[in-house]
Amino acid sequence: MTDCVKTLYQEYISDFLKKQIDIGRKKFVLYPNGEVAKIVKNILISKYNIVPEYMVDNYSFNGKTILNLEQAKNLQQTDVYYLICSDRKNIYDEIRMKIKHYINNEQILDVFPRIDSNCLKEKIYQKLDALDDDISCMVKKYVDNEYSTFLYR
């Protein structure tokens, strides 16, 4: 992951976490234990002073700080939220289906939910329209300024 991409991830994740914390969610479990989960963990600790309860992973776990889904389910914690911390396309559906077999849906928060492409396109078009208006205003001001400078020479 390049520094630029990592920074974009950090900004997006930080905004996502802020929204969750603002509505009173403060106990988190990170799943799966990968590069993005490490970014989430660092943001939780450094920005919000929240240490995740533990990590969950399907393949690499130690039964203490990193659990598998079965171990996490057996803890029967109802006051924690499981953050799905992966956007990898090749395992996107798989990890989401697996966690839903073990954890209540109300406790699962997807950091990277699938976005309705029509909704996303509409938002992009709105942003582009706003940019077009801003650019038009800037060009008009520049032209007006240059024209008035030319007239008064």
C-alpha atoms as a PDB file:
ATOM      1  CA  MET A   1       0.000   0.000   0.000  1.00  0.00           C
ATOM      2  CA  THR A   2       1.511   3.336  -1.043  1.00  0.00           C
ATOM      3  CA  ASP A   3       1.685   6.239   1.404  1.00  0.00           C
ATOM      4  CA  CYS A   4      -0.940   8.151  -0.567  1.00  0.00           C
ATOM      5  CA  VAL A   5      -3.374   5.221  -0.534  1.00  0.00           C
ATOM      6  CA  LYS A   6      -2.659   4.595   3.141  1.00  0.00           C
ATOM      7  CA  THR A   7      -3.469   8.241   3.918  1.00  0.00           C
ATOM      8  CA  LEU A   8      -6.776   7.991   2.042  1.00  0.00           C
ATOM      9  CA  TYR A   9      -7.619   4.815   3.970  1.00  0.00           C
ATOM     10  CA  GLN A  10      -6.753   6.524   7.245  1.00  0.00           C
ATOM     11  CA  GLU A  11      -9.015   9.493   6.476  1.00  0.00           C
ATOM     12  CA  TYR A  12     -11.920   7.293   5.409  1.00  0.00           C
ATOM     13  CA  ILE A  13     -11.548   4.915   8.371  1.00  0.00           C
ATOM     14  CA  SER A  14     -11.192   7.774  10.839  1.00  0.00           C
ATOM     15  CA  ASP A  15     -14.461   9.306   9.598  1.00  0.00           C
ATOM     16  CA  PHE A  16     -16.189   5.916   9.796  1.00  0.00           C
ATOM     17  CA  LEU A  17     -14.975   5.351  13.372  1.00  0.00           C
ATOM     18  CA  LYS A  18     -15.940   8.867  14.467  1.00  0.00           C
ATOM     19  CA  LYS A  19     -19.531   8.245  13.354  1.00  0.00           C
ATOM     20  CA  GLN A  20     -19.644   4.987  15.312  1.00  0.00           C
ATOM     21  CA  ILE A  21     -18.135   6.498  18.448  1.00  0.00           C
ATOM     22  CA  ASP A  22     -20.439   9.539  18.238  1.00  0.00           C
ATOM     23  CA  ILE A  23     -23.467   7.239  18.530  1.00  0.00           C
ATOM     24  CA  GLY A  24     -22.004   5.507  21.580  1.00  0.00           C
ATOM     25  CA  ARG A  25     -20.247   2.500  20.119  1.00  0.00           C
ATOM     26  CA  LYS A  26     -16.916   2.184  21.894  1.00  0.00           C
ATOM     27  CA  LYS A  27     -16.055  -1.519  22.143  1.00  0.00           C
ATOM     28  CA  PHE A  28     -14.692  -3.010  18.960  1.00  0.00           C
ATOM     29  CA  VAL A  29     -13.379  -6.307  17.663  1.00  0.00           C
ATOM     30  CA  LEU A  30     -11.402  -6.216  14.422  1.00  0.00           C
ATOM     31  CA  TYR A  31     -11.932  -8.824  11.711  1.00  0.00           C
ATOM     32  CA  PRO A  32      -9.972 -10.131   9.837  1.00  0.00           C
ATOM     33  CA  ASN A  33      -6.497  -9.494  11.207  1.00  0.00           C
ATOM     34  CA  GLY A  34      -4.761  -7.901   8.244  1.00  0.00           C
ATOM     35  CA  GLU A  35      -3.190  -4.688   7.004  1.00  0.00           C
ATOM     36  CA  VAL A  36      -6.411  -2.659   7.169  1.00  0.00           C
ATOM     37  CA  ALA A  37      -7.189  -3.974  10.677  1.00  0.00           C
ATOM     38  CA  LYS A  38      -3.784  -2.675  11.774  1.00  0.00           C
ATOM     39  CA  ILE A  39      -4.666   0.780  10.391  1.00  0.00           C
ATOM     40  CA  VAL A  40      -8.032   0.666  12.205  1.00  0.00           C
ATOM     41  CA  LYS A  41      -6.330  -0.401  15.438  1.00  0.00           C
ATOM     42  CA  ASN A  42      -3.777   2.423  15.218  1.00  0.00           C
ATOM     43  CA  ILE A  43      -6.515   5.015  14.618  1.00  0.00           C
ATOM     44  CA  LEU A  44      -8.656   3.692  17.472  1.00  0.00           C
ATOM     45  CA  ILE A  45      -5.734   3.879  19.887  1.00  0.00           C
ATOM     46  CA  SER A  46      -4.046   7.093  18.732  1.00  0.00           C
ATOM     47  CA  LYS A  47      -7.094   9.211  17.933  1.00  0.00           C
ATOM     48  CA  TYR A  48      -9.815   7.869  20.239  1.00  0.00           C
ATOM     49  CA  ASN A  49      -7.830   6.184  23.033  1.00  0.00           C
ATOM     50  CA  ILE A  50      -9.792   2.970  22.447  1.00  0.00           C
ATOM     51  CA  VAL A  51      -8.017  -0.372  22.511  1.00  0.00           C
ATOM     52  CA  PRO A  52      -9.854  -3.065  20.518  1.00  0.00           C
ATOM     53  CA  GLU A  53     -11.130  -5.937  22.659  1.00  0.00           C
ATOM     54  CA  TYR A  54      -9.307  -8.437  20.428  1.00  0.00           C
ATOM     55  CA  MET A  55      -8.784  -9.403  16.798  1.00  0.00           C
ATOM     56  CA  VAL A  56     -10.494 -12.234  14.946  1.00  0.00           C
ATOM     57  CA  ASP A  57      -9.027 -14.147  12.045  1.00  0.00           C
ATOM     58  CA  ASN A  58     -10.047 -17.247  10.124  1.00  0.00           C
ATOM     59  CA  TYR A  59      -6.543 -18.642   9.674  1.00  0.00           C
ATOM     60  CA  SER A  60      -4.051 -17.140  12.116  1.00  0.00           C
ATOM     61  CA  PHE A  61      -5.110 -17.042  15.779  1.00  0.00           C
ATOM     62  CA  ASN A  62      -3.544 -17.668  19.191  1.00  0.00           C
ATOM     63  CA  GLY A  63      -6.656 -17.969  21.384  1.00  0.00           C
ATOM     64  CA  LYS A  64      -5.699 -14.887  23.421  1.00  0.00           C
ATOM     65  CA  THR A  65      -5.361 -11.628  21.502  1.00  0.00           C
ATOM     66  CA  ILE A  66      -6.351 -13.126  18.145  1.00  0.00           C
ATOM     67  CA  LEU A  67      -9.339 -15.467  18.177  1.00  0.00           C
ATOM     68  CA  ASN A  68     -11.087 -17.489  15.524  1.00  0.00           C
ATOM     69  CA  LEU A  69     -14.797 -16.930  14.905  1.00  0.00           C
ATOM     70  CA  GLU A  70     -15.845 -19.898  17.051  1.00  0.00           C
ATOM     71  CA  GLN A  71     -13.855 -18.593  20.027  1.00  0.00           C
ATOM     72  CA  ALA A  72     -15.312 -15.097  19.567  1.00  0.00           C
ATOM     73  CA  LYS A  73     -18.846 -16.493  19.438  1.00  0.00           C
ATOM     74  CA  ASN A  74     -18.257 -18.494  22.629  1.00  0.00           C
ATOM     75  CA  LEU A  75     -17.436 -15.282  24.532  1.00  0.00           C
ATOM     76  CA  GLN A  76     -21.068 -14.218  23.976  1.00  0.00           C
ATOM     77  CA  GLN A  77     -20.288 -10.524  24.272  1.00  0.00           C
ATOM     78  CA  THR A  78     -23.329  -8.503  23.286  1.00  0.00           C
ATOM     79  CA  ASP A  79     -21.834  -5.066  23.921  1.00  0.00           C
ATOM     80  CA  VAL A  80     -19.072  -5.201  21.294  1.00  0.00           C
ATOM     81  CA  TYR A  81     -19.131  -4.374  17.603  1.00  0.00           C
ATOM     82  CA  TYR A  82     -17.267  -6.422  15.039  1.00  0.00           C
ATOM     83  CA  LEU A  83     -15.621  -4.206  12.435  1.00  0.00           C
ATOM     84  CA  ILE A  84     -15.133  -5.912   9.095  1.00  0.00           C
ATOM     85  CA  CYS A  85     -11.760  -4.465   8.097  1.00  0.00           C
ATOM     86  CA  SER A  86     -11.254  -5.777   4.587  1.00  0.00           C
ATOM     87  CA  ASP A  87     -12.004  -4.472   1.132  1.00  0.00           C
ATOM     88  CA  ARG A  88     -10.141  -7.221  -0.756  1.00  0.00           C
ATOM     89  CA  LYS A  89     -12.262  -8.174  -3.730  1.00  0.00           C
ATOM     90  CA  ASN A  90     -11.093 -11.795  -3.865  1.00  0.00           C
ATOM     91  CA  ILE A  91     -12.395 -12.535  -0.326  1.00  0.00           C
ATOM     92  CA  TYR A  92     -15.040  -9.810   0.019  1.00  0.00           C
ATOM     93  CA  ASP A  93     -18.112 -12.061   0.107  1.00  0.00           C
ATOM     94  CA  GLU A  94     -16.396 -14.962   1.866  1.00  0.00           C
ATOM     95  CA  ILE A  95     -15.373 -13.081   5.005  1.00  0.00           C
ATOM     96  CA  ARG A  96     -18.757 -11.399   5.298  1.00  0.00           C
ATOM     97  CA  MET A  97     -20.632 -14.681   4.990  1.00  0.00           C
ATOM     98  CA  LYS A  98     -18.370 -16.385   7.540  1.00  0.00           C
ATOM     99  CA  ILE A  99     -18.789 -13.800  10.275  1.00  0.00           C
ATOM    100  CA  LYS A 100     -22.584 -13.809   9.852  1.00  0.00           C
ATOM    101  CA  HIS A 101     -22.628 -17.522  10.743  1.00  0.00           C
ATOM    102  CA  TYR A 102     -21.133 -16.752  14.156  1.00  0.00           C
ATOM    103  CA  ILE A 103     -22.008 -13.169  15.136  1.00  0.00           C
ATOM    104  CA  ASN A 104     -25.377 -11.385  15.361  1.00  0.00           C
ATOM    105  CA  ASN A 105     -25.962  -9.056  12.438  1.00  0.00           C
ATOM    106  CA  GLU A 106     -26.668  -6.127  14.808  1.00  0.00           C
ATOM    107  CA  GLN A 107     -23.092  -6.371  16.086  1.00  0.00           C
ATOM    108  CA  ILE A 108     -21.427  -6.348  12.658  1.00  0.00           C
ATOM    109  CA  LEU A 109     -20.222  -3.052  11.197  1.00  0.00           C
ATOM    110  CA  ASP A 110     -18.794  -3.177   7.704  1.00  0.00           C
ATOM    111  CA  VAL A 111     -16.060  -0.590   7.258  1.00  0.00           C
ATOM    112  CA  PHE A 112     -16.234  -1.132   3.484  1.00  0.00           C
ATOM    113  CA  PRO A 113     -19.852  -1.864   2.582  1.00  0.00           C
ATOM    114  CA  ARG A 114     -20.792  -2.353  -1.027  1.00  0.00           C
ATOM    115  CA  ILE A 115     -22.050   0.897  -2.425  1.00  0.00           C
ATOM    116  CA  ASP A 116     -25.028   1.185  -4.737  1.00  0.00           C
ATOM    117  CA  SER A 117     -23.287   2.256  -7.939  1.00  0.00           C
ATOM    118  CA  ASN A 118     -26.234   4.390  -9.099  1.00  0.00           C
ATOM    119  CA  CYS A 119     -26.167   6.326  -5.826  1.00  0.00           C
ATOM    120  CA  LEU A 120     -22.402   6.700  -6.080  1.00  0.00           C
ATOM    121  CA  LYS A 121     -22.608   7.911  -9.691  1.00  0.00           C
ATOM    122  CA  GLU A 122     -25.231  10.494  -8.708  1.00  0.00           C
ATOM    123  CA  LYS A 123     -22.971  11.827  -5.925  1.00  0.00           C
ATOM    124  CA  ILE A 124     -20.024  11.979  -8.330  1.00  0.00           C
ATOM    125  CA  TYR A 125     -22.107  13.891 -10.890  1.00  0.00           C
ATOM    126  CA  GLN A 126     -23.234  16.353  -8.200  1.00  0.00           C
ATOM    127  CA  LYS A 127     -19.613  16.961  -7.159  1.00  0.00           C
ATOM    128  CA  LEU A 128     -18.570  17.449 -10.791  1.00  0.00           C
ATOM    129  CA  ASP A 129     -21.431  19.918 -11.360  1.00  0.00           C
ATOM    130  CA  ALA A 130     -20.365  21.879  -8.282  1.00  0.00           C
ATOM    131  CA  LEU A 131     -16.769  21.871  -9.522  1.00  0.00           C
ATOM    132  CA  ASP A 132     -17.926  23.067 -12.953  1.00  0.00           C
ATOM    133  CA  ASP A 133     -19.758  25.971 -11.318  1.00  0.00           C
ATOM    134  CA  ASP A 134     -16.691  26.839  -9.213  1.00  0.00           C
ATOM    135  CA  ILE A 135     -14.398  26.701 -12.238  1.00  0.00           C
ATOM    136  CA  SER A 136     -16.794  28.826 -14.308  1.00  0.00           C
ATOM    137  CA  CYS A 137     -16.885  31.477 -11.560  1.00  0.00           C
ATOM    138  CA  MET A 138     -13.098  31.476 -11.279  1.00  0.00           C
ATOM    139  CA  VAL A 139     -12.659  31.835 -15.059  1.00  0.00           C
ATOM    140  CA  LYS A 140     -15.251  34.606 -15.201  1.00  0.00           C
ATOM    141  CA  LYS A 141     -13.519  36.532 -12.387  1.00  0.00           C
ATOM    142  CA  TYR A 142     -10.164  36.105 -14.103  1.00  0.00           C
ATOM    143  CA  VAL A 143     -11.514  37.235 -17.485  1.00  0.00           C
ATOM    144  CA  ASP A 144     -13.348  40.182 -15.912  1.00  0.00           C
ATOM    145  CA  ASN A 145     -10.213  41.186 -14.032  1.00  0.00           C
ATOM    146  CA  GLU A 146      -8.024  40.910 -17.142  1.00  0.00           C
ATOM    147  CA  TYR A 147     -10.585  42.846 -19.222  1.00  0.00           C
ATOM    148  CA  SER A 148     -10.814  45.667 -16.686  1.00  0.00           C
ATOM    149  CA  THR A 149      -7.004  45.759 -16.398  1.00  0.00           C
ATOM    150  CA  PHE A 150      -6.802  45.996 -20.204  1.00  0.00           C
ATOM    151  CA  LEU A 151      -9.362  48.844 -20.328  1.00  0.00           C
ATOM    152  CA  TYR A 152      -7.552  50.936 -17.744  1.00  0.00           C
ATOM    153  CA  ARG A 153      -4.041  50.683 -19.249  1.00  0.00           C
END
